Amino acid sequence: MTDNKIKINGCEYLIENERNVLEIARKAGIDIPTFCYHSELSVYGACRMCLVEIEGRGIVTSCSTPPENGMVVWTNTREVRSIRKINLELLLANHERECTTCLKNGTCSLQKLSRTMGIEKIRYKSTVRREMHDISSSALIRDPNKCVLCGDCVRACDEIQGIGAIDFSWRGANAKVVPVFNRKLGEIECVDCGQCARVCPTGAIVPKPEIDEVWAMIDDPTVTVVAQVAPAIRVALGEYFSLPAGTITTGKLVAALRRIGFDNVYDTAFTADVTVIEEGSELLKRLSEAKHLPLITSCCPAWVKFAEQYFPELLENLSTCRSPQQMFGSLAHKIMPDKIGKSNDKFKVVSVMPCTAKKFEAGRNEFTTENGRDVDAVITTQELGKMIESAGIRFTDLKDEDFDMPFGIASGAGIIFGMSGGVTEAVVRFAAEKIAGDTSTCKVVKHKVSDGITELTVNIGATSFKSAVVYGLKNARTVCNDIINGTSPYQVIEVMACPGGCVNGAGQPVITDFNTVAKRADGLRDIDNTSKIYTTLSNSSVAKIYSEHLGHSGSHEAHKLLHTHYSSRKRVRDDAFHLHGSVTPKLSVSICVGTNCCLGGAHELMRDLVAYINTHTLQEMVEVKAAFCFEKCSGKAPMVMINNDIVAGCTLEHIQKRINDVL
């Protein structure tokens, strides 16, 4: 059998499972520059930076060229270098180059490519007109002046999350990447997951910083400021300081936060343990009553918002538990002010999170009381790295320090919350102890259904149930549709928006290799494997909090502090988009263009209605609007509001009759 080989720069390499020439080159240690290529996204080939020369074919993009036996490739010829440089200069010409004040400074792909390719001046004139920043979102900032139309954000939103909240609009020189209907991010179906920001190479979309607000709290001598640290931070922060991916930096992280000025540093994994008790008890109750199954986890705020927007009929299936971040905020504000002799308004909680959606979650009305927010500010891993640098702290030289009590000791089960599948595993450990007394009799069989969906069959003595571990909201949509259709076999479903879980949150240090995510997860698993406390019920610190402040799981106080509820969320703010006709019409027709109505023919109805109005010169009589969700999704699509009357399953003939009646 002849080996399947390719020759690159004079050397032969075996073709194995690589999708393209680029992957083989990287396997061979040849770093072909890329800009729009991400291994977990589809191949797009827009930037033309990964050009190579193939004998007999000329110059092609290596990311979109499958390898073939006998192919001869040259990656660094004079012509290839020249074209790459021209392409890069064209990108830079239409890019706002205020690098020193850019939030992406230091991790920008354009910066890196400019340095490695020796760009010293830009020979082309910019044609970009400056646009305002979009700061409407509580989680993200969009700067259209830094967009180079690579499309990475568009593909991430569509292919990973299945939302399509942002896309290309217009054509040619007028082409832009914008949110739907050219609205602001805070006004559309964005769930704040930040995956668009994670893959954006230039800083056109970045996590919204809260560094200045946190410094202001710390600088106020009358305020006690405490930090809570999510599990995923301790295996990613080291990358910011050039340590290998997955390096466990828990002790240095605590020391750095104290030197920044935080009065106390606590572990969010502690309230992950509390979440296990509350959610595990909730699961066992639902299983015994056979009600509101499957139980779906509620730790991921991007997933919760997604469910509110697209699957409000499944909200009763969501666990009523708050996320560990919000449980901590509630407990800390309940316990600590009296303990330290401070009023609630002089006690501030700052979260260090891997996730941009946590910024949105902290501002939700459900987590705000008369005393203010339970969590006063949220900074990401990236933001913490910047604060450590600006404080002049040499992170790698710090000696390890321990978390503060009473929220400083967590089980291994709480730690693995930061990786996909961790919540399910922690709850299974809890269920095993509650049902059988220990975890030794628990048997779990895993089966990978698809990329992003893993099925678990759990047997604990006479009790058995099936669970699904899901990441990526596009996969979550599939699982939710199965529930609605009555074909889901699961009693428990864990959903995380980010591929791989919180370790791959949009607030983590920027990565170019998806293997980094696995290394971070391995770091959490290493902590779990070496932890002296394996299960939540073995954590005496958690037991003490219950005995002193909560009573028992499901108590009135536990429900008040640790649980919440969610409700249907309109997809876009209430006002509709004016599309056609007079602004003072005799008849106003608003057509819902939400997902369900689009599938039911809303776009076709709108097209036919506009054509009818134009044909009969009714522009001054009839106004057509695109609207989002009349909160009547249980009716037949498409939903249309004619003046103030909502019509389900509306047809063009129905609207024509109403027009004739009015006229």
Foldseek 3Di string as FASTA:
>chain_A
DDFQWEAEPRRIDGDDPDFWQCVRCVVVVHDQQDQLDAPVFDDDCDQLRRWKQWPPPGIDRGSNHGDGGPIYIYRDDPVSLVVNVLSLLVLVQQADPPQVPFPCRPQASSVVCCVVSVPDDRPDHYPDDADDWFPLDLWKIAGQSHDSPSCNLQRCCCVQANPRQWDWDDDDPPIGIAGPPNDGPNFFQQLNLQPSVLSNRTRRMATDAPLVVVLVLLPDPLAAEEEEEELLLQQFLVVLVVDAGRHGQQQLLQVLVVLLRHPFYFYLLLLLLVVLQQVLVVLVVCVVVVPLFQAEEDQASSVQSVCLAPPQVSQSSYRQFYHSVLLVLLLCLVPPCVVVVHHSLRYAYEYEFQGSSVSVVQPDPQQADPSGTSHDYYAYSSSSSVSSVVSVHPSVPDDGDFGDPPRTDHALLSSLQQWFPSSVVQNLQVNLCVPPVGCPQKDWDWDDPDQFWIKIWIDRPPDIFIEITGEGNVVVVVQSVCVVVVNHRGNYYYYYHARGGRSRGSRGPRDRDPVSSVSSSVSSVVCNVPGPHNHSVSDVSSVVCCVPPNVHRPDPRCCSSTGTGDHRDWRGPFDWAWDFADPDALKEKEKEPPPQQVVLPRVVQVVVLRVVCVVVVCRHHYTYTYGTDPVPSVAAHDWMAIPNDIDHPDHNVVVVVVSVVSD
